[in-house]
């Protein structure tokens, strides 16, 4: 997903959370004036995070008052989710780490006390 997807994602999130069609979500529109309370705002953010494949830092959540603030917050989180450039070396290291993460780790099996030579 790209920053141009944010308006559509927020539109769907608003509809899902409030069960209302917002029409056009103008950047200057106050979130509270749209009838969105703090819990609904968090629900919208979680929906957007899921659809956009990103994670918004908790510290950024308190500054959202307008739809524009919400657009900007999600847009700032996008570069973290989708790095623009990656060298071939970084890609190879990342692939190795992912491959190693899929190797099963042996789990130690407890040995009964009797088998250890109880005293």
PDB file of N, CA and C in Angstrom:
ATOM      1  N   UNK A   1       0.838  -1.177   0.000  1.00  0.00           N
ATOM      2  CA  UNK A   1       0.000   0.000   0.000  1.00  0.00           C
ATOM      3  C   UNK A   1       0.886   1.244   0.000  1.00  0.00           C
ATOM      4  N   UNK A   2       0.320   2.332  -0.474  1.00  0.00           N
ATOM      5  CA  UNK A   2       1.052   3.591  -0.568  1.00  0.00           C
ATOM      6  C   UNK A   2       0.266   4.690   0.134  1.00  0.00           C
ATOM      7  N   UNK A   3       0.880   5.875   0.321  1.00  0.00           N
ATOM      8  CA  UNK A   3       0.146   6.974   0.957  1.00  0.00           C
ATOM      9  C   UNK A   3      -1.164   7.326   0.245  1.00  0.00           C
ATOM     10  N   UNK A   4      -1.233   7.101  -1.056  1.00  0.00           N
ATOM     11  CA  UNK A   4      -2.473   7.413  -1.780  1.00  0.00           C
ATOM     12  C   UNK A   4      -3.626   6.484  -1.398  1.00  0.00           C
ATOM     13  N   UNK A   5      -3.309   5.362  -0.741  1.00  0.00           N
ATOM     14  CA  UNK A   5      -4.346   4.428  -0.295  1.00  0.00           C
ATOM     15  C   UNK A   5      -4.974   4.838   1.038  1.00  0.00           C
ATOM     16  N   UNK A   6      -4.321   5.724   1.771  1.00  0.00           N
ATOM     17  CA  UNK A   6      -4.773   6.079   3.124  1.00  0.00           C
ATOM     18  C   UNK A   6      -6.211   6.610   3.144  1.00  0.00           C
ATOM     19  N   UNK A   7      -6.602   7.555   2.270  1.00  0.00           N
ATOM     20  CA  UNK A   7      -7.989   8.051   2.335  1.00  0.00           C
ATOM     21  C   UNK A   7      -9.042   6.951   2.185  1.00  0.00           C
ATOM     22  N   UNK A   8      -8.823   6.016   1.249  1.00  0.00           N
ATOM     23  CA  UNK A   8      -9.797   4.943   1.051  1.00  0.00           C
ATOM     24  C   UNK A   8      -9.838   4.017   2.261  1.00  0.00           C
ATOM     25  N   UNK A   9      -8.674   3.730   2.823  1.00  0.00           N
ATOM     26  CA  UNK A   9      -8.601   2.851   3.997  1.00  0.00           C
ATOM     27  C   UNK A   9      -9.339   3.504   5.166  1.00  0.00           C
ATOM     28  N   UNK A  10      -9.105   4.799   5.383  1.00  0.00           N
ATOM     29  CA  UNK A  10      -9.788   5.490   6.490  1.00  0.00           C
ATOM     30  C   UNK A  10     -11.288   5.587   6.248  1.00  0.00           C
ATOM     31  N   UNK A  11     -11.683   5.761   5.012  1.00  0.00           N
ATOM     32  CA  UNK A  11     -13.113   5.806   4.687  1.00  0.00           C
ATOM     33  C   UNK A  11     -13.772   4.484   5.074  1.00  0.00           C
ATOM     34  N   UNK A  12     -13.141   3.369   4.685  1.00  0.00           N
ATOM     35  CA  UNK A  12     -13.685   2.043   5.042  1.00  0.00           C
ATOM     36  C   UNK A  12     -13.672   1.834   6.552  1.00  0.00           C
ATOM     37  N   UNK A  13     -12.598   2.264   7.208  1.00  0.00           N
ATOM     38  CA  UNK A  13     -12.499   2.100   8.660  1.00  0.00           C
ATOM     39  C   UNK A  13     -13.599   2.894   9.357  1.00  0.00           C
ATOM     40  N   UNK A  14     -13.842   4.122   8.899  1.00  0.00           N
ATOM     41  CA  UNK A  14     -14.907   4.949   9.486  1.00  0.00           C
ATOM     42  C   UNK A  14     -16.263   4.259   9.323  1.00  0.00           C
ATOM     43  N   UNK A  15     -16.528   3.763   8.118  1.00  0.00           N
ATOM     44  CA  UNK A  15     -17.803   3.077   7.871  1.00  0.00           C
ATOM     45  C   UNK A  15     -17.954   1.845   8.753  1.00  0.00           C
ATOM     46  N   UNK A  16     -16.880   1.083   8.886  1.00  0.00           N
ATOM     47  CA  UNK A  16     -16.940  -0.145   9.676  1.00  0.00           C
ATOM     48  C   UNK A  16     -17.174   0.157  11.152  1.00  0.00           C
ATOM     49  N   UNK A  17     -16.529   1.176  11.664  1.00  0.00           N
ATOM     50  CA  UNK A  17     -16.605   1.486  13.090  1.00  0.00           C
ATOM     51  C   UNK A  17     -17.906   2.194  13.453  1.00  0.00           C
ATOM     52  N   UNK A  18     -18.356   3.134  12.608  1.00  0.00           N
ATOM     53  CA  UNK A  18     -19.528   3.942  12.957  1.00  0.00           C
ATOM     54  C   UNK A  18     -20.818   3.462  12.299  1.00  0.00           C
ATOM     55  N   UNK A  19     -20.697   2.578  11.308  1.00  0.00           N
ATOM     56  CA  UNK A  19     -21.854   2.112  10.537  1.00  0.00           C
ATOM     57  C   UNK A  19     -22.529   3.270   9.781  1.00  0.00           C
ATOM     58  N   UNK A  20     -21.745   4.323   9.462  1.00  0.00           N
ATOM     59  CA  UNK A  20     -22.252   5.477   8.702  1.00  0.00           C
ATOM     60  C   UNK A  20     -21.299   5.754   7.544  1.00  0.00           C
ATOM     61  N   UNK A  21     -21.842   6.356   6.477  1.00  0.00           N
ATOM     62  CA  UNK A  21     -21.009   6.778   5.347  1.00  0.00           C
ATOM     63  C   UNK A  21     -20.587   8.219   5.602  1.00  0.00           C
ATOM     64  N   UNK A  22     -19.282   8.483   5.670  1.00  0.00           N
ATOM     65  CA  UNK A  22     -18.837   9.840   5.981  1.00  0.00           C
ATOM     66  C   UNK A  22     -18.872  10.776   4.790  1.00  0.00           C
ATOM     67  N   UNK A  23     -19.171  10.266   3.600  1.00  0.00           N
ATOM     68  CA  UNK A  23     -19.037  11.112   2.425  1.00  0.00           C
ATOM     69  C   UNK A  23     -17.548  11.336   2.192  1.00  0.00           C
ATOM     70  N   UNK A  24     -17.144  12.569   2.030  1.00  0.00           N
ATOM     71  CA  UNK A  24     -15.735  12.900   1.852  1.00  0.00           C
ATOM     72  C   UNK A  24     -15.138  13.242   3.209  1.00  0.00           C
ATOM     73  N   UNK A  25     -14.027  12.611   3.542  1.00  0.00           N
ATOM     74  CA  UNK A  25     -13.335  12.921   4.792  1.00  0.00           C
ATOM     75  C   UNK A  25     -12.303  14.009   4.507  1.00  0.00           C
ATOM     76  N   UNK A  26     -12.703  15.268   4.707  1.00  0.00           N
ATOM     77  CA  UNK A  26     -11.807  16.391   4.472  1.00  0.00           C
ATOM     78  C   UNK A  26     -10.716  16.432   5.522  1.00  0.00           C
ATOM     79  N   UNK A  27      -9.517  16.829   5.109  1.00  0.00           N
ATOM     80  CA  UNK A  27      -8.373  16.890   6.019  1.00  0.00           C
ATOM     81  C   UNK A  27      -8.652  17.776   7.236  1.00  0.00           C
ATOM     82  N   UNK A  28      -9.426  18.837   7.046  1.00  0.00           N
ATOM     83  CA  UNK A  28      -9.680  19.775   8.139  1.00  0.00           C
ATOM     84  C   UNK A  28     -10.798  19.322   9.076  1.00  0.00           C
ATOM     85  N   UNK A  29     -11.487  18.250   8.734  1.00  0.00           N
ATOM     86  CA  UNK A  29     -12.620  17.788   9.546  1.00  0.00           C
ATOM     87  C   UNK A  29     -12.143  17.319  10.917  1.00  0.00           C
ATOM     88  N   UNK A  30     -12.816  17.806  11.949  1.00  0.00           N
ATOM     89  CA  UNK A  30     -12.510  17.408  13.321  1.00  0.00           C
ATOM     90  C   UNK A  30     -13.049  15.999  13.556  1.00  0.00           C
ATOM     91  N   UNK A  31     -12.209  15.138  14.108  1.00  0.00           N
ATOM     92  CA  UNK A  31     -12.600  13.746  14.353  1.00  0.00           C
ATOM     93  C   UNK A  31     -13.832  13.681  15.243  1.00  0.00           C
ATOM     94  N   UNK A  32     -13.846  14.487  16.303  1.00  0.00           N
ATOM     95  CA  UNK A  32     -14.982  14.461  17.250  1.00  0.00           C
ATOM     96  C   UNK A  32     -16.270  14.949  16.580  1.00  0.00           C
ATOM     97  N   UNK A  33     -16.136  15.951  15.676  1.00  0.00           N
ATOM     98  CA  UNK A  33     -17.314  16.478  14.977  1.00  0.00           C
ATOM     99  C   UNK A  33     -17.916  15.428  14.045  1.00  0.00           C
ATOM    100  N   UNK A  34     -17.101  14.453  13.638  1.00  0.00           N
ATOM    101  CA  UNK A  34     -17.611  13.356  12.807  1.00  0.00           C
ATOM    102  C   UNK A  34     -18.334  12.301  13.641  1.00  0.00           C
ATOM    103  N   UNK A  35     -18.377  12.507  14.961  1.00  0.00           N
ATOM    104  CA  UNK A  35     -19.059  11.559  15.833  1.00  0.00           C
ATOM    105  C   UNK A  35     -18.200  10.389  16.240  1.00  0.00           C
ATOM    106  N   UNK A  36     -16.869  10.546  16.160  1.00  0.00           N
ATOM    107  CA  UNK A  36     -15.947   9.466  16.505  1.00  0.00           C
ATOM    108  C   UNK A  36     -15.395   9.738  17.907  1.00  0.00           C
ATOM    109  N   UNK A  37     -15.637   8.808  18.834  1.00  0.00           N
ATOM    110  CA  UNK A  37     -15.070   8.964  20.177  1.00  0.00           C
ATOM    111  C   UNK A  37     -13.683   8.324  20.212  1.00  0.00           C
ATOM    112  N   UNK A  38     -13.029   8.389  21.351  1.00  0.00           N
ATOM    113  CA  UNK A  38     -11.639   7.918  21.446  1.00  0.00           C
ATOM    114  C   UNK A  38     -11.507   6.417  21.181  1.00  0.00           C
ATOM    115  N   UNK A  39     -12.470   5.635  21.633  1.00  0.00           N
ATOM    116  CA  UNK A  39     -12.414   4.187  21.402  1.00  0.00           C
ATOM    117  C   UNK A  39     -12.600   3.894  19.916  1.00  0.00           C
ATOM    118  N   UNK A  40     -13.545   4.569  19.280  1.00  0.00           N
ATOM    119  CA  UNK A  40     -13.764   4.370  17.853  1.00  0.00           C
ATOM    120  C   UNK A  40     -12.548   4.813  17.038  1.00  0.00           C
ATOM    121  N   UNK A  41     -11.881   5.880  17.484  1.00  0.00           N
ATOM    122  CA  UNK A  41     -10.682   6.334  16.800  1.00  0.00           C
ATOM    123  C   UNK A  41      -9.600   5.257  16.853  1.00  0.00           C
ATOM    124  N   UNK A  42      -9.432   4.656  18.025  1.00  0.00           N
ATOM    125  CA  UNK A  42      -8.453   3.566  18.135  1.00  0.00           C
ATOM    126  C   UNK A  42      -8.829   2.386  17.249  1.00  0.00           C
ATOM    127  N   UNK A  43     -10.115   2.078  17.177  1.00  0.00           N
ATOM    128  CA  UNK A  43     -10.567   0.992  16.309  1.00  0.00           C
ATOM    129  C   UNK A  43     -10.245   1.315  14.844  1.00  0.00           C
ATOM    130  N   UNK A  44     -10.467   2.570  14.435  1.00  0.00           N
ATOM    131  CA  UNK A  44     -10.161   2.973  13.066  1.00  0.00           C
ATOM    132  C   UNK A  44      -8.662   2.844  12.787  1.00  0.00           C
ATOM    133  N   UNK A  45      -7.846   3.231  13.761  1.00  0.00           N
ATOM    134  CA  UNK A  45      -6.397   3.149  13.588  1.00  0.00           C
ATOM    135  C   UNK A  45      -5.952   1.697  13.457  1.00  0.00           C
ATOM    136  N   UNK A  46      -6.516   0.818  14.268  1.00  0.00           N
ATOM    137  CA  UNK A  46      -6.159  -0.604  14.184  1.00  0.00           C
ATOM    138  C   UNK A  46      -6.555  -1.175  12.821  1.00  0.00           C
ATOM    139  N   UNK A  47      -7.718  -0.819  12.334  1.00  0.00           N
ATOM    140  CA  UNK A  47      -8.158  -1.275  11.013  1.00  0.00           C
ATOM    141  C   UNK A  47      -7.188  -0.770   9.947  1.00  0.00           C
ATOM    142  N   UNK A  48      -6.828   0.510  10.024  1.00  0.00           N
ATOM    143  CA  UNK A  48      -5.898   1.089   9.042  1.00  0.00           C
ATOM    144  C   UNK A  48      -4.529   0.430   9.130  1.00  0.00           C
ATOM    145  N   UNK A  49      -4.050   0.187  10.362  1.00  0.00           N
ATOM    146  CA  UNK A  49      -2.760  -0.488  10.529  1.00  0.00           C
ATOM    147  C   UNK A  49      -2.782  -1.860   9.857  1.00  0.00           C
ATOM    148  N   UNK A  50      -3.866  -2.573  10.053  1.00  0.00           N
ATOM    149  CA  UNK A  50      -3.990  -3.919   9.487  1.00  0.00           C
ATOM    150  C   UNK A  50      -4.024  -3.865   7.961  1.00  0.00           C
ATOM    151  N   UNK A  51      -4.845  -2.988   7.413  1.00  0.00           N
ATOM    152  CA  UNK A  51      -4.967  -2.909   5.957  1.00  0.00           C
ATOM    153  C   UNK A  51      -3.696  -2.385   5.291  1.00  0.00           C
ATOM    154  N   UNK A  52      -3.018  -1.439   5.954  1.00  0.00           N
ATOM    155  CA  UNK A  52      -1.822  -0.836   5.364  1.00  0.00           C
ATOM    156  C   UNK A  52      -0.553  -1.606   5.697  1.00  0.00           C
ATOM    157  N   UNK A  53      -0.652  -2.549   6.636  1.00  0.00           N
ATOM    158  CA  UNK A  53       0.506  -3.340   7.007  1.00  0.00           C
ATOM    159  C   UNK A  53       1.555  -2.555   7.757  1.00  0.00           C
ATOM    160  N   UNK A  54       1.127  -1.721   8.682  1.00  0.00           N
ATOM    161  CA  UNK A  54       2.067  -0.901   9.437  1.00  0.00           C
ATOM    162  C   UNK A  54       1.706  -0.862  10.906  1.00  0.00           C
ATOM    163  N   UNK A  55       2.544  -0.228  11.682  1.00  0.00           N
ATOM    164  CA  UNK A  55       2.305  -0.063  13.120  1.00  0.00           C
ATOM    165  C   UNK A  55       2.568   1.387  13.469  1.00  0.00           C
ATOM    166  N   UNK A  56       1.578   2.051  14.033  1.00  0.00           N
ATOM    167  CA  UNK A  56       1.711   3.437  14.458  1.00  0.00           C
ATOM    168  C   UNK A  56       2.266   3.451  15.878  1.00  0.00           C
ATOM    169  N   UNK A  57       3.303   4.239  16.135  1.00  0.00           N
ATOM    170  CA  UNK A  57       3.833   4.320  17.504  1.00  0.00           C
ATOM    171  C   UNK A  57       2.775   4.879  18.457  1.00  0.00           C
ATOM    172  N   UNK A  58       2.701   4.307  19.649  1.00  0.00           N
ATOM    173  CA  UNK A  58       1.712   4.744  20.640  1.00  0.00           C
ATOM    174  C   UNK A  58       1.823   6.233  20.941  1.00  0.00           C
ATOM    175  N   UNK A  59       3.030   6.769  20.926  1.00  0.00           N
ATOM    176  CA  UNK A  59       3.248   8.177  21.242  1.00  0.00           C
ATOM    177  C   UNK A  59       2.552   9.099  20.235  1.00  0.00           C
ATOM    178  N   UNK A  60       2.320   8.626  19.032  1.00  0.00           N
ATOM    179  CA  UNK A  60       1.703   9.456  17.993  1.00  0.00           C
ATOM    180  C   UNK A  60       0.183   9.534  18.139  1.00  0.00           C
ATOM    181  N   UNK A  61      -0.403   8.646  18.913  1.00  0.00           N
ATOM    182  CA  UNK A  61      -1.866   8.561  18.984  1.00  0.00           C
ATOM    183  C   UNK A  61      -2.521   9.761  19.646  1.00  0.00           C
ATOM    184  N   UNK A  62      -1.856  10.387  20.594  1.00  0.00           N
ATOM    185  CA  UNK A  62      -2.467  11.482  21.347  1.00  0.00           C
ATOM    186  C   UNK A  62      -2.654  12.764  20.576  1.00  0.00           C
ATOM    187  N   UNK A  63      -1.962  12.941  19.466  1.00  0.00           N
ATOM    188  CA  UNK A  63      -2.033  14.198  18.733  1.00  0.00           C
ATOM    189  C   UNK A  63      -3.059  14.240  17.626  1.00  0.00           C
ATOM    190  N   UNK A  64      -3.937  13.263  17.547  1.00  0.00           N
ATOM    191  CA  UNK A  64      -4.897  13.204  16.443  1.00  0.00           C
ATOM    192  C   UNK A  64      -6.175  13.952  16.825  1.00  0.00           C
ATOM    193  N   UNK A  65      -6.406  15.066  16.106  1.00  0.00           N
ATOM    194  CA  UNK A  65      -7.632  15.838  16.320  1.00  0.00           C
ATOM    195  C   UNK A  65      -8.450  15.978  15.043  1.00  0.00           C
ATOM    196  N   UNK A  66      -7.750  15.957  13.903  1.00  0.00           N
ATOM    197  CA  UNK A  66      -8.438  16.108  12.617  1.00  0.00           C
ATOM    198  C   UNK A  66      -8.159  14.904  11.727  1.00  0.00           C
ATOM    199  N   UNK A  67      -8.921  14.804  10.667  1.00  0.00           N
ATOM    200  CA  UNK A  67      -8.691  13.750   9.692  1.00  0.00           C
ATOM    201  C   UNK A  67      -7.292  13.905   9.095  1.00  0.00           C
ATOM    202  N   UNK A  68      -6.854  15.137   8.886  1.00  0.00           N
ATOM    203  CA  UNK A  68      -5.516  15.391   8.368  1.00  0.00           C
ATOM    204  C   UNK A  68      -4.435  14.865   9.297  1.00  0.00           C
ATOM    205  N   UNK A  69      -4.651  15.031  10.613  1.00  0.00           N
ATOM    206  CA  UNK A  69      -3.698  14.485  11.585  1.00  0.00           C
ATOM    207  C   UNK A  69      -3.605  12.965  11.433  1.00  0.00           C
ATOM    208  N   UNK A  70      -4.742  12.348  11.204  1.00  0.00           N
ATOM    209  CA  UNK A  70      -4.792  10.892  11.044  1.00  0.00           C
ATOM    210  C   UNK A  70      -4.082  10.469   9.756  1.00  0.00           C
ATOM    211  N   UNK A  71      -4.338  11.187   8.652  1.00  0.00           N
ATOM    212  CA  UNK A  71      -3.634  10.923   7.390  1.00  0.00           C
ATOM    213  C   UNK A  71      -2.120  11.023   7.592  1.00  0.00           C
ATOM    214  N   UNK A  72      -1.697  12.126   8.232  1.00  0.00           N
ATOM    215  CA  UNK A  72      -0.261  12.370   8.415  1.00  0.00           C
ATOM    216  C   UNK A  72       0.379  11.291   9.283  1.00  0.00           C
ATOM    217  N   UNK A  73      -0.292  10.909  10.371  1.00  0.00           N
ATOM    218  CA  UNK A  73       0.242   9.902  11.280  1.00  0.00           C
ATOM    219  C   UNK A  73       0.449   8.573  10.544  1.00  0.00           C
ATOM    220  N   UNK A  74      -0.533   8.174   9.753  1.00  0.00           N
ATOM    221  CA  UNK A  74      -0.420   6.920   9.001  1.00  0.00           C
ATOM    222  C   UNK A  74       0.631   7.043   7.900  1.00  0.00           C
ATOM    223  N   UNK A  75       0.685   8.204   7.260  1.00  0.00           N
ATOM    224  CA  UNK A  75       1.673   8.422   6.209  1.00  0.00           C
ATOM    225  C   UNK A  75       3.096   8.366   6.738  1.00  0.00           C
ATOM    226  N   UNK A  76       3.312   8.880   7.949  1.00  0.00           N
ATOM    227  CA  UNK A  76       4.641   8.829   8.552  1.00  0.00           C
ATOM    228  C   UNK A  76       5.032   7.403   8.922  1.00  0.00           C
ATOM    229  N   UNK A  77       4.063   6.573   9.235  1.00  0.00           N
ATOM    230  CA  UNK A  77       4.352   5.186   9.599  1.00  0.00           C
ATOM    231  C   UNK A  77       4.619   4.323   8.361  1.00  0.00           C
ATOM    232  N   UNK A  78       4.144   4.743   7.193  1.00  0.00           N
ATOM    233  CA  UNK A  78       4.329   3.955   5.975  1.00  0.00           C
ATOM    234  C   UNK A  78       5.788   3.722   5.604  1.00  0.00           C
ATOM    235  N   UNK A  79       6.672   4.723   5.643  1.00  0.00           N
ATOM    236  CA  UNK A  79       8.059   4.439   5.252  1.00  0.00           C
ATOM    237  C   UNK A  79       8.717   3.364   6.115  1.00  0.00           C
ATOM    238  N   UNK A  80       8.311   3.264   7.373  1.00  0.00           N
ATOM    239  CA  UNK A  80       8.847   2.223   8.240  1.00  0.00           C
ATOM    240  C   UNK A  80       8.366   0.853   7.775  1.00  0.00           C
ATOM    241  N   UNK A  81       7.172   0.787   7.270  1.00  0.00           N
ATOM    242  CA  UNK A  81       6.617  -0.489   6.831  1.00  0.00           C
ATOM    243  C   UNK A  81       7.144  -0.877   5.450  1.00  0.00           C
ATOM    244  N   UNK A  82       7.434   0.120   4.620  1.00  0.00           N
ATOM    245  CA  UNK A  82       7.883  -0.143   3.260  1.00  0.00           C
ATOM    246  C   UNK A  82       9.136   0.660   2.966  1.00  0.00           C
ATOM    247  N   UNK A  83      10.313   0.163   3.371  1.00  0.00           N
ATOM    248  CA  UNK A  83      11.540   0.897   3.077  1.00  0.00           C
ATOM    249  C   UNK A  83      11.691   1.092   1.571  1.00  0.00           C
ATOM    250  N   UNK A  84      12.085   2.298   1.174  1.00  0.00           N
ATOM    251  CA  UNK A  84      12.193   2.623  -0.241  1.00  0.00           C
ATOM    252  C   UNK A  84      13.379   1.929  -0.907  1.00  0.00           C
ATOM    253  N   UNK A  85      14.501   1.869  -0.196  1.00  0.00           N
ATOM    254  CA  UNK A  85      15.680   1.273  -0.813  1.00  0.00           C
ATOM    255  C   UNK A  85      16.240   0.198   0.092  1.00  0.00           C
ATOM    256  N   UNK A  86      16.802  -0.801  -0.541  1.00  0.00           N
ATOM    257  CA  UNK A  86      17.434  -1.881   0.202  1.00  0.00           C
ATOM    258  C   UNK A  86      18.528  -2.439  -0.682  1.00  0.00           C
ATOM    259  N   UNK A  87      19.744  -2.481  -0.156  1.00  0.00           N
ATOM    260  CA  UNK A  87      20.840  -3.005  -0.956  1.00  0.00           C
ATOM    261  C   UNK A  87      20.710  -4.511  -1.040  1.00  0.00           C
ATOM    262  N   UNK A  88      21.382  -5.090  -2.034  1.00  0.00           N
ATOM    263  CA  UNK A  88      21.307  -6.535  -2.211  1.00  0.00           C
ATOM    264  C   UNK A  88      21.864  -7.251  -0.988  1.00  0.00           C
ATOM    265  N   UNK A  89      22.923  -6.714  -0.398  1.00  0.00           N
ATOM    266  CA  UNK A  89      23.507  -7.324   0.792  1.00  0.00           C
ATOM    267  C   UNK A  89      22.523  -7.379   1.945  1.00  0.00           C
ATOM    268  N   UNK A  90      21.778  -6.288   2.145  1.00  0.00           N
ATOM    269  CA  UNK A  90      20.775  -6.268   3.210  1.00  0.00           C
ATOM    270  C   UNK A  90      19.697  -7.307   2.949  1.00  0.00           C
ATOM    271  N   UNK A  91      19.305  -7.438   1.685  1.00  0.00           N
ATOM    272  CA  UNK A  91      18.270  -8.408   1.340  1.00  0.00           C
ATOM    273  C   UNK A  91      18.724  -9.828   1.593  1.00  0.00           C
ATOM    274  N   UNK A  92      20.004 -10.108   1.311  1.00  0.00           N
ATOM    275  CA  UNK A  92      20.529 -11.451   1.546  1.00  0.00           C
ATOM    276  C   UNK A  92      20.586 -11.761   3.028  1.00  0.00           C
ATOM    277  N   UNK A  93      21.028 -10.787   3.838  1.00  0.00           N
ATOM    278  CA  UNK A  93      21.082 -10.995   5.288  1.00  0.00           C
ATOM    279  C   UNK A  93      19.683 -11.218   5.836  1.00  0.00           C
ATOM    280  N   UNK A  94      18.738 -10.411   5.364  1.00  0.00           N
ATOM    281  CA  UNK A  94      17.355 -10.545   5.827  1.00  0.00           C
ATOM    282  C   UNK A  94      16.801 -11.921   5.453  1.00  0.00           C
ATOM    283  N   UNK A  95      17.109 -12.417   4.261  1.00  0.00           N
ATOM    284  CA  UNK A  95      16.639 -13.739   3.840  1.00  0.00           C
ATOM    285  C   UNK A  95      17.247 -14.830   4.704  1.00  0.00           C
ATOM    286  N   UNK A  96      18.525 -14.680   5.066  1.00  0.00           N
ATOM    287  CA  UNK A  96      19.179 -15.664   5.923  1.00  0.00           C
ATOM    288  C   UNK A  96      18.543 -15.686   7.307  1.00  0.00           C
ATOM    289  N   UNK A  97      18.258 -14.507   7.844  1.00  0.00           N
ATOM    290  CA  UNK A  97      17.635 -14.427   9.171  1.00  0.00           C
ATOM    291  C   UNK A  97      16.265 -15.089   9.134  1.00  0.00           C
ATOM    292  N   UNK A  98      15.497 -14.825   8.087  1.00  0.00           N
ATOM    293  CA  UNK A  98      14.172 -15.431   7.976  1.00  0.00           C
ATOM    294  C   UNK A  98      14.269 -16.945   7.841  1.00  0.00           C
ATOM    295  N   UNK A  99      15.257 -17.429   7.078  1.00  0.00           N
ATOM    296  CA  UNK A  99      15.425 -18.871   6.916  1.00  0.00           C
ATOM    297  C   UNK A  99      15.804 -19.516   8.239  1.00  0.00           C
ATOM    298  N   UNK A 100      16.675 -18.853   8.992  1.00  0.00           N
ATOM    299  CA  UNK A 100      17.080 -19.392  10.284  1.00  0.00           C
ATOM    300  C   UNK A 100      15.920 -19.393  11.264  1.00  0.00           C
ATOM    301  N   UNK A 101      15.041 -18.416  11.147  1.00  0.00           N
ATOM    302  CA  UNK A 101      13.901 -18.335  12.058  1.00  0.00           C
ATOM    303  C   UNK A 101      12.937 -19.498  11.849  1.00  0.00           C
ATOM    304  N   UNK A 102      12.998 -20.135  10.688  1.00  0.00           N
ATOM    305  CA  UNK A 102      12.082 -21.225  10.394  1.00  0.00           C
ATOM    306  C   UNK A 102      12.652 -22.590  10.774  1.00  0.00           C
ATOM    307  N   UNK A 103      13.913 -22.638  11.246  1.00  0.00           N
ATOM    308  CA  UNK A 103      14.524 -23.894  11.655  1.00  0.00           C
ATOM    309  C   UNK A 103      14.006 -24.241  13.042  1.00  0.00           C
ATOM    310  N   UNK A 104      13.460 -25.457  13.227  1.00  0.00           N
ATOM    311  CA  UNK A 104      12.943 -25.809  14.548  1.00  0.00           C
ATOM    312  C   UNK A 104      14.075 -25.899  15.573  1.00  0.00           C
ATOM    313  N   UNK A 105      13.789 -25.407  16.757  1.00  0.00           N
ATOM    314  CA  UNK A 105      14.761 -25.442  17.849  1.00  0.00           C
ATOM    315  C   UNK A 105      14.453 -26.655  18.712  1.00  0.00           C
ATOM    316  N   UNK A 106      15.480 -27.499  18.998  1.00  0.00           N
ATOM    317  CA  UNK A 106      15.205 -28.671  19.830  1.00  0.00           C
ATOM    318  C   UNK A 106      14.781 -28.249  21.233  1.00  0.00           C
ATOM    319  N   UNK A 107      13.788 -28.921  21.740  1.00  0.00           N
ATOM    320  CA  UNK A 107      13.283 -28.643  23.075  1.00  0.00           C
ATOM    321  C   UNK A 107      13.810 -29.714  24.017  1.00  0.00           C
ATOM    322  N   UNK A 108      14.451 -29.319  25.126  1.00  0.00           N
ATOM    323  CA  UNK A 108      14.965 -30.333  26.052  1.00  0.00           C
ATOM    324  C   UNK A 108      13.820 -31.142  26.665  1.00  0.00           C
ATOM    325  N   UNK A 109      14.054 -32.447  26.763  1.00  0.00           N
ATOM    326  CA  UNK A 109      13.058 -33.351  27.332  1.00  0.00           C
ATOM    327  C   UNK A 109      13.451 -33.601  28.786  1.00  0.00           C
ATOM    328  N   UNK A 110      12.532 -33.397  29.716  1.00  0.00           N
ATOM    329  CA  UNK A 110      12.866 -33.630  31.117  1.00  0.00           C
ATOM    330  C   UNK A 110      13.181 -35.110  31.369  1.00  0.00           C
ATOM    331  N   UNK A 111      14.179 -35.343  32.162  1.00  0.00           N
ATOM    332  CA  UNK A 111      14.584 -36.709  32.509  1.00  0.00           C
ATOM    333  C   UNK A 111      14.038 -37.015  33.896  1.00  0.00           C
ATOM    334  N   UNK A 112      13.320 -38.149  34.031  1.00  0.00           N
ATOM    335  CA  UNK A 112      12.778 -38.475  35.347  1.00  0.00           C
ATOM    336  C   UNK A 112      13.906 -38.606  36.382  1.00  0.00           C
ATOM    337  N   UNK A 113      13.590 -38.274  37.613  1.00  0.00           N
ATOM    338  CA  UNK A 113      14.562 -38.297  38.711  1.00  0.00           C
ATOM    339  C   UNK A 113      15.175 -39.680  38.839  1.00  0.00           C
ATOM    340  N   UNK A 114      14.387 -40.730  38.656  1.00  0.00           N
ATOM    341  CA  UNK A 114      14.895 -42.092  38.794  1.00  0.00           C
ATOM    342  C   UNK A 114      16.011 -42.382  37.800  1.00  0.00           C
ATOM    343  N   UNK A 115      15.924 -41.830  36.603  1.00  0.00           N
ATOM    344  CA  UNK A 115      16.910 -42.089  35.569  1.00  0.00           C
ATOM    345  C   UNK A 115      18.198 -41.330  35.825  1.00  0.00           C
ATOM    346  N   UNK A 116      18.167 -40.277  36.663  1.00  0.00           N
ATOM    347  CA  UNK A 116      19.354 -39.495  36.936  1.00  0.00           C
ATOM    348  C   UNK A 116      20.200 -40.131  38.047  1.00  0.00           C
ATOM    349  N   UNK A 117      19.758 -41.181  38.632  1.00  0.00           N
ATOM    350  CA  UNK A 117      20.500 -41.801  39.736  1.00  0.00           C
ATOM    351  C   UNK A 117      20.121 -41.159  41.055  1.00  0.00           C
ATOM    352  N   UNK A 118      18.884 -41.339  41.435  1.00  0.00           N
ATOM    353  CA  UNK A 118      18.391 -40.769  42.699  1.00  0.00           C
ATOM    354  C   UNK A 118      19.198 -41.271  43.863  1.00  0.00           C
ATOM    355  N   UNK A 119      19.398 -40.449  44.844  1.00  0.00           N
ATOM    356  CA  UNK A 119      20.188 -40.822  46.023  1.00  0.00           C
ATOM    357  C   UNK A 119      19.323 -41.154  47.189  1.00  0.00           C
TER     358      UNK A 119
END
